């Protein structure tokens, strides 16, 4: 039987893997780096804007949503690339769908920020 961590040890182990994932994505994905820098600007800006708490939450949430979807897209791309570099219609579809998800999250970010700021 596998010796798995439980309780706080499991949480700390999961946290380490999460940090490792963020670091790997930041180092290997230009899009994630750009979106991370955008988050470093937009999240503090959301806190200083004169909007309601719920609006601040919406502004910050859509920024994190972009980062989350970019992480998932990068994971999909990594798995597809791991399978092989030969062309396959399903590999192309998986990468295109991941890219579309990122694009939609960026559109949601822009719409949310524009609606709240205007």
N, C-alpha and C. Protein backbone atom coordinates (compact mmCIF):
# COMPACT_ATOMS: atom_id res chain seq x y z
N UNK A 1 0.85 -1.18 0.00
CA UNK A 1 0.00 0.00 0.00
C UNK A 1 0.89 1.24 0.00
N UNK A 2 0.47 2.23 -0.75
CA UNK A 2 1.21 3.47 -0.88
C UNK A 2 1.13 4.29 0.41
N UNK A 3 2.27 4.83 0.84
CA UNK A 3 2.32 5.65 2.06
C UNK A 3 1.97 7.09 1.71
N UNK A 4 0.70 7.47 1.87
CA UNK A 4 0.25 8.80 1.51
C UNK A 4 0.19 9.68 2.75
N UNK A 5 0.52 10.96 2.52
CA UNK A 5 0.44 11.94 3.60
C UNK A 5 -1.03 12.19 3.94
N UNK A 6 -1.29 12.52 5.20
CA UNK A 6 -2.65 12.85 5.64
C UNK A 6 -2.61 14.14 6.43
N UNK A 7 -3.77 14.75 6.57
CA UNK A 7 -3.89 15.95 7.39
C UNK A 7 -3.06 17.11 6.88
N UNK A 8 -2.41 17.81 7.80
CA UNK A 8 -1.62 18.99 7.48
C UNK A 8 -0.47 18.66 6.54
N UNK A 9 0.13 17.50 6.71
CA UNK A 9 1.24 17.09 5.82
C UNK A 9 0.76 17.01 4.37
N UNK A 10 -0.43 16.47 4.17
CA UNK A 10 -1.00 16.37 2.83
C UNK A 10 -1.26 17.74 2.24
N UNK A 11 -1.77 18.65 3.05
CA UNK A 11 -2.04 20.02 2.60
C UNK A 11 -0.74 20.71 2.20
N UNK A 12 0.29 20.55 3.02
CA UNK A 12 1.59 21.17 2.72
C UNK A 12 2.21 20.57 1.46
N UNK A 13 2.09 19.27 1.29
CA UNK A 13 2.60 18.62 0.09
C UNK A 13 1.87 19.13 -1.15
N UNK A 14 0.56 19.24 -1.08
CA UNK A 14 -0.23 19.75 -2.19
C UNK A 14 0.16 21.20 -2.50
N UNK A 15 0.40 21.99 -1.46
CA UNK A 15 0.81 23.39 -1.64
C UNK A 15 2.15 23.46 -2.38
N UNK A 16 3.09 22.58 -2.00
CA UNK A 16 4.40 22.55 -2.67
C UNK A 16 4.25 22.21 -4.15
N UNK A 17 3.39 21.24 -4.46
CA UNK A 17 3.14 20.89 -5.86
C UNK A 17 2.51 22.06 -6.61
N UNK A 18 1.62 22.79 -5.95
CA UNK A 18 0.97 23.94 -6.58
C UNK A 18 1.97 25.04 -6.89
N UNK A 19 2.85 25.32 -5.94
CA UNK A 19 3.89 26.33 -6.17
C UNK A 19 4.81 25.89 -7.30
N UNK A 20 5.15 24.60 -7.33
CA UNK A 20 5.99 24.07 -8.40
C UNK A 20 5.30 24.25 -9.76
N UNK A 21 4.00 24.00 -9.81
CA UNK A 21 3.23 24.18 -11.04
C UNK A 21 3.21 25.62 -11.50
N UNK A 22 3.00 26.54 -10.56
CA UNK A 22 3.01 27.97 -10.90
C UNK A 22 4.37 28.39 -11.43
N UNK A 23 5.42 27.93 -10.76
CA UNK A 23 6.79 28.27 -11.17
C UNK A 23 7.09 27.72 -12.57
N UNK A 24 6.72 26.47 -12.80
CA UNK A 24 6.96 25.85 -14.10
C UNK A 24 6.22 26.60 -15.20
N UNK A 25 4.98 26.93 -14.95
CA UNK A 25 4.18 27.63 -15.96
C UNK A 25 4.75 29.03 -16.21
N UNK A 26 5.14 29.72 -15.15
CA UNK A 26 5.72 31.06 -15.30
C UNK A 26 7.00 31.01 -16.12
N UNK A 27 7.82 30.01 -15.87
CA UNK A 27 9.10 29.90 -16.57
C UNK A 27 8.96 29.47 -18.02
N UNK A 28 7.94 28.68 -18.32
CA UNK A 28 7.85 28.09 -19.66
C UNK A 28 6.79 28.71 -20.57
N UNK A 29 5.89 29.49 -20.02
CA UNK A 29 4.77 30.01 -20.82
C UNK A 29 4.75 31.53 -20.83
N UNK A 30 5.05 32.11 -21.99
CA UNK A 30 5.05 33.57 -22.13
C UNK A 30 3.69 34.16 -21.79
N UNK A 31 2.63 33.52 -22.25
CA UNK A 31 1.28 34.03 -21.99
C UNK A 31 1.00 34.10 -20.50
N UNK A 32 1.39 33.06 -19.76
CA UNK A 32 1.16 33.07 -18.33
C UNK A 32 1.96 34.18 -17.66
N UNK A 33 3.20 34.39 -18.09
CA UNK A 33 4.01 35.49 -17.52
C UNK A 33 3.32 36.83 -17.76
N UNK A 34 2.84 37.05 -18.97
CA UNK A 34 2.17 38.31 -19.28
C UNK A 34 0.91 38.49 -18.43
N UNK A 35 0.14 37.44 -18.29
CA UNK A 35 -1.08 37.51 -17.50
C UNK A 35 -0.77 37.67 -16.01
N UNK A 36 0.31 37.08 -15.55
CA UNK A 36 0.72 37.25 -14.15
C UNK A 36 1.11 38.70 -13.87
N UNK A 37 1.84 39.30 -14.80
CA UNK A 37 2.21 40.71 -14.62
C UNK A 37 0.97 41.60 -14.70
N UNK A 38 0.04 41.26 -15.58
CA UNK A 38 -1.23 42.00 -15.63
C UNK A 38 -1.96 41.89 -14.30
N UNK A 39 -1.95 40.71 -13.71
CA UNK A 39 -2.59 40.50 -12.40
C UNK A 39 -1.93 41.34 -11.33
N UNK A 40 -0.61 41.47 -11.38
CA UNK A 40 0.11 42.29 -10.39
C UNK A 40 -0.26 43.77 -10.49
N UNK A 41 -0.78 44.16 -11.63
CA UNK A 41 -1.25 45.55 -11.79
C UNK A 41 -2.73 45.65 -11.43
N UNK A 42 -3.54 44.74 -11.97
CA UNK A 42 -5.00 44.85 -11.81
C UNK A 42 -5.51 44.55 -10.41
N UNK A 43 -4.93 43.57 -9.73
CA UNK A 43 -5.44 43.23 -8.40
C UNK A 43 -5.25 44.39 -7.42
N UNK A 44 -4.05 44.97 -7.31
CA UNK A 44 -3.93 46.14 -6.43
C UNK A 44 -4.82 47.32 -6.87
N UNK A 45 -4.94 47.48 -8.19
CA UNK A 45 -5.80 48.55 -8.70
C UNK A 45 -7.25 48.34 -8.26
N UNK A 46 -7.71 47.11 -8.29
CA UNK A 46 -9.08 46.81 -7.86
C UNK A 46 -9.30 47.23 -6.41
N UNK A 47 -8.28 47.07 -5.56
CA UNK A 47 -8.41 47.44 -4.15
C UNK A 47 -8.49 48.95 -3.95
N UNK A 48 -7.85 49.71 -4.83
CA UNK A 48 -7.84 51.16 -4.61
C UNK A 48 -8.95 51.89 -5.36
N UNK A 49 -9.63 51.21 -6.27
CA UNK A 49 -10.74 51.84 -6.99
C UNK A 49 -11.91 52.09 -6.04
N UNK A 50 -12.62 53.16 -6.30
CA UNK A 50 -13.78 53.51 -5.48
C UNK A 50 -15.02 52.79 -6.01
N UNK A 51 -15.06 51.47 -5.73
CA UNK A 51 -16.19 50.64 -6.13
C UNK A 51 -16.60 49.81 -4.92
N UNK A 52 -17.78 49.20 -5.01
CA UNK A 52 -18.28 48.40 -3.88
C UNK A 52 -17.41 47.16 -3.66
N UNK A 53 -17.58 46.56 -2.52
CA UNK A 53 -16.84 45.33 -2.20
C UNK A 53 -17.17 44.22 -3.19
N UNK A 54 -18.42 44.12 -3.57
CA UNK A 54 -18.82 43.10 -4.54
C UNK A 54 -18.17 43.36 -5.90
N UNK A 55 -18.08 44.61 -6.30
CA UNK A 55 -17.42 44.95 -7.56
C UNK A 55 -15.92 44.66 -7.48
N UNK A 56 -15.30 44.96 -6.34
CA UNK A 56 -13.88 44.62 -6.15
C UNK A 56 -13.68 43.12 -6.30
N UNK A 57 -14.58 42.35 -5.69
CA UNK A 57 -14.52 40.90 -5.78
C UNK A 57 -14.62 40.44 -7.23
N UNK A 58 -15.54 41.03 -7.99
CA UNK A 58 -15.71 40.66 -9.40
C UNK A 58 -14.45 41.00 -10.20
N UNK A 59 -13.90 42.19 -9.97
CA UNK A 59 -12.69 42.61 -10.69
C UNK A 59 -11.53 41.66 -10.42
N UNK A 60 -11.36 41.28 -9.18
CA UNK A 60 -10.25 40.40 -8.79
C UNK A 60 -10.52 38.97 -9.26
N UNK A 61 -11.76 38.53 -9.16
CA UNK A 61 -12.11 37.16 -9.55
C UNK A 61 -11.82 36.89 -11.02
N UNK A 62 -12.16 37.83 -11.89
CA UNK A 62 -11.93 37.57 -13.31
C UNK A 62 -10.43 37.55 -13.64
N UNK A 63 -9.63 38.28 -12.88
CA UNK A 63 -8.17 38.23 -13.07
C UNK A 63 -7.66 36.83 -12.71
N UNK A 64 -8.10 36.31 -11.57
CA UNK A 64 -7.69 34.96 -11.16
C UNK A 64 -8.23 33.90 -12.12
N UNK A 65 -9.42 34.12 -12.64
CA UNK A 65 -10.00 33.18 -13.60
C UNK A 65 -9.11 33.05 -14.84
N UNK A 66 -8.60 34.16 -15.33
CA UNK A 66 -7.69 34.13 -16.49
C UNK A 66 -6.46 33.28 -16.17
N UNK A 67 -5.87 33.51 -14.99
CA UNK A 67 -4.68 32.75 -14.60
C UNK A 67 -5.00 31.25 -14.48
N UNK A 68 -6.13 30.93 -13.89
CA UNK A 68 -6.52 29.53 -13.71
C UNK A 68 -6.70 28.85 -15.07
N UNK A 69 -7.39 29.52 -15.97
CA UNK A 69 -7.64 28.92 -17.28
C UNK A 69 -6.35 28.81 -18.08
N UNK A 70 -5.45 29.77 -17.94
CA UNK A 70 -4.15 29.68 -18.61
C UNK A 70 -3.35 28.50 -18.07
N UNK A 71 -3.40 28.27 -16.76
CA UNK A 71 -2.73 27.10 -16.19
C UNK A 71 -3.29 25.80 -16.77
N UNK A 72 -4.61 25.71 -16.85
CA UNK A 72 -5.24 24.51 -17.40
C UNK A 72 -4.90 24.34 -18.88
N UNK A 73 -4.89 25.44 -19.63
CA UNK A 73 -4.52 25.38 -21.04
C UNK A 73 -3.08 24.90 -21.20
N UNK A 74 -2.19 25.41 -20.37
CA UNK A 74 -0.79 24.99 -20.43
C UNK A 74 -0.65 23.52 -20.08
N UNK A 75 -1.44 23.05 -19.12
CA UNK A 75 -1.42 21.63 -18.77
C UNK A 75 -1.89 20.77 -19.94
N UNK A 76 -2.94 21.19 -20.61
CA UNK A 76 -3.44 20.46 -21.78
C UNK A 76 -2.36 20.41 -22.85
N UNK A 77 -1.73 21.55 -23.12
CA UNK A 77 -0.68 21.59 -24.13
C UNK A 77 0.49 20.67 -23.76
N UNK A 78 0.86 20.65 -22.49
CA UNK A 78 1.95 19.78 -22.05
C UNK A 78 1.62 18.31 -22.27
N UNK A 79 0.41 17.92 -21.94
CA UNK A 79 0.00 16.52 -22.12
C UNK A 79 -0.03 16.17 -23.61
N UNK A 80 -0.58 17.04 -24.42
CA UNK A 80 -0.64 16.78 -25.86
C UNK A 80 0.77 16.67 -26.43
N UNK A 81 1.66 17.58 -26.03
CA UNK A 81 3.04 17.53 -26.52
C UNK A 81 3.77 16.29 -26.03
N UNK A 82 3.43 15.82 -24.86
CA UNK A 82 4.06 14.61 -24.30
C UNK A 82 3.69 13.38 -25.11
N UNK A 83 2.48 13.37 -25.63
CA UNK A 83 2.00 12.23 -26.41
C UNK A 83 2.83 12.07 -27.68
N UNK A 84 3.17 13.17 -28.32
CA UNK A 84 3.97 13.11 -29.54
C UNK A 84 3.87 14.39 -30.32
N UNK A 85 4.81 14.58 -31.24
CA UNK A 85 4.81 15.82 -32.01
C UNK A 85 4.23 15.65 -33.41
N UNK A 86 3.77 14.43 -33.72
CA UNK A 86 3.14 14.25 -35.03
C UNK A 86 1.74 14.86 -34.99
N UNK A 87 1.30 15.33 -36.16
CA UNK A 87 -0.01 15.97 -36.24
C UNK A 87 -1.13 14.95 -36.00
N UNK A 88 -2.10 15.38 -35.22
CA UNK A 88 -3.34 14.61 -35.07
C UNK A 88 -4.46 15.61 -34.86
N UNK A 89 -5.59 15.36 -35.51
CA UNK A 89 -6.72 16.28 -35.45
C UNK A 89 -7.21 16.49 -34.02
N UNK A 90 -7.16 15.46 -33.18
CA UNK A 90 -7.62 15.60 -31.80
C UNK A 90 -6.64 16.43 -30.96
N UNK A 91 -5.35 16.29 -31.24
CA UNK A 91 -4.35 17.11 -30.55
C UNK A 91 -4.55 18.58 -30.89
N UNK A 92 -4.77 18.85 -32.18
CA UNK A 92 -5.02 20.22 -32.61
C UNK A 92 -6.29 20.77 -31.96
N UNK A 93 -7.33 19.95 -31.92
CA UNK A 93 -8.60 20.38 -31.33
C UNK A 93 -8.43 20.69 -29.85
N UNK A 94 -7.69 19.83 -29.12
CA UNK A 94 -7.48 20.07 -27.69
C UNK A 94 -6.76 21.38 -27.45
N UNK A 95 -5.71 21.63 -28.23
CA UNK A 95 -4.96 22.88 -28.07
C UNK A 95 -5.80 24.09 -28.46
N UNK A 96 -6.57 23.97 -29.53
CA UNK A 96 -7.42 25.08 -29.96
C UNK A 96 -8.51 25.39 -28.94
N UNK A 97 -9.09 24.35 -28.35
CA UNK A 97 -10.13 24.56 -27.33
C UNK A 97 -9.56 25.20 -26.08
N UNK A 98 -8.38 24.78 -25.68
CA UNK A 98 -7.72 25.42 -24.54
C UNK A 98 -7.44 26.89 -24.81
N UNK A 99 -6.96 27.17 -26.00
CA UNK A 99 -6.70 28.55 -26.39
C UNK A 99 -7.99 29.37 -26.40
N UNK A 100 -9.06 28.78 -26.90
CA UNK A 100 -10.35 29.47 -26.91
C UNK A 100 -10.84 29.77 -25.50
N UNK A 101 -10.60 28.85 -24.58
CA UNK A 101 -11.00 29.08 -23.18
C UNK A 101 -10.24 30.27 -22.59
N UNK A 102 -8.95 30.37 -22.89
CA UNK A 102 -8.17 31.51 -22.41
C UNK A 102 -8.71 32.80 -23.02
N UNK A 103 -8.97 32.78 -24.33
CA UNK A 103 -9.47 33.97 -25.01
C UNK A 103 -10.81 34.41 -24.41
N UNK A 104 -11.71 33.46 -24.16
CA UNK A 104 -13.00 33.80 -23.56
C UNK A 104 -12.82 34.40 -22.16
N UNK A 105 -11.88 33.86 -21.39
CA UNK A 105 -11.65 34.41 -20.04
C UNK A 105 -11.10 35.83 -20.12
N UNK A 106 -10.26 36.10 -21.11
CA UNK A 106 -9.75 37.46 -21.29
C UNK A 106 -10.86 38.42 -21.72
N UNK A 107 -11.78 37.94 -22.56
CA UNK A 107 -12.93 38.77 -22.96
C UNK A 107 -13.80 39.07 -21.74
N UNK A 108 -14.01 38.06 -20.90
CA UNK A 108 -14.79 38.27 -19.67
C UNK A 108 -14.10 39.28 -18.77
N UNK A 109 -12.78 39.19 -18.66
CA UNK A 109 -12.03 40.16 -17.85
C UNK A 109 -12.26 41.58 -18.38
N UNK A 110 -12.11 41.75 -19.68
CA UNK A 110 -12.27 43.10 -20.26
C UNK A 110 -13.69 43.62 -20.09
N UNK A 111 -14.68 42.78 -20.34
CA UNK A 111 -16.07 43.19 -20.20
C UNK A 111 -16.38 43.56 -18.76
N UNK A 112 -15.95 42.74 -17.82
CA UNK A 112 -16.20 43.00 -16.40
C UNK A 112 -15.58 44.33 -15.97
N UNK A 113 -14.31 44.53 -16.32
CA UNK A 113 -13.63 45.77 -15.93
C UNK A 113 -14.29 46.98 -16.59
N UNK A 114 -14.67 46.87 -17.88
CA UNK A 114 -15.30 48.00 -18.56
C UNK A 114 -16.66 48.33 -17.95
N UNK A 115 -17.46 47.31 -17.69
CA UNK A 115 -18.80 47.56 -17.12
C UNK A 115 -18.69 48.23 -15.75
N UNK A 116 -17.77 47.75 -14.92
CA UNK A 116 -17.66 48.30 -13.57
C UNK A 116 -17.05 49.71 -13.60
N UNK A 117 -16.07 49.92 -14.48
CA UNK A 117 -15.42 51.23 -14.51
C UNK A 117 -16.25 52.29 -15.24
N UNK A 118 -17.12 51.86 -16.14
CA UNK A 118 -17.96 52.82 -16.88
C UNK A 118 -19.28 52.94 -16.19
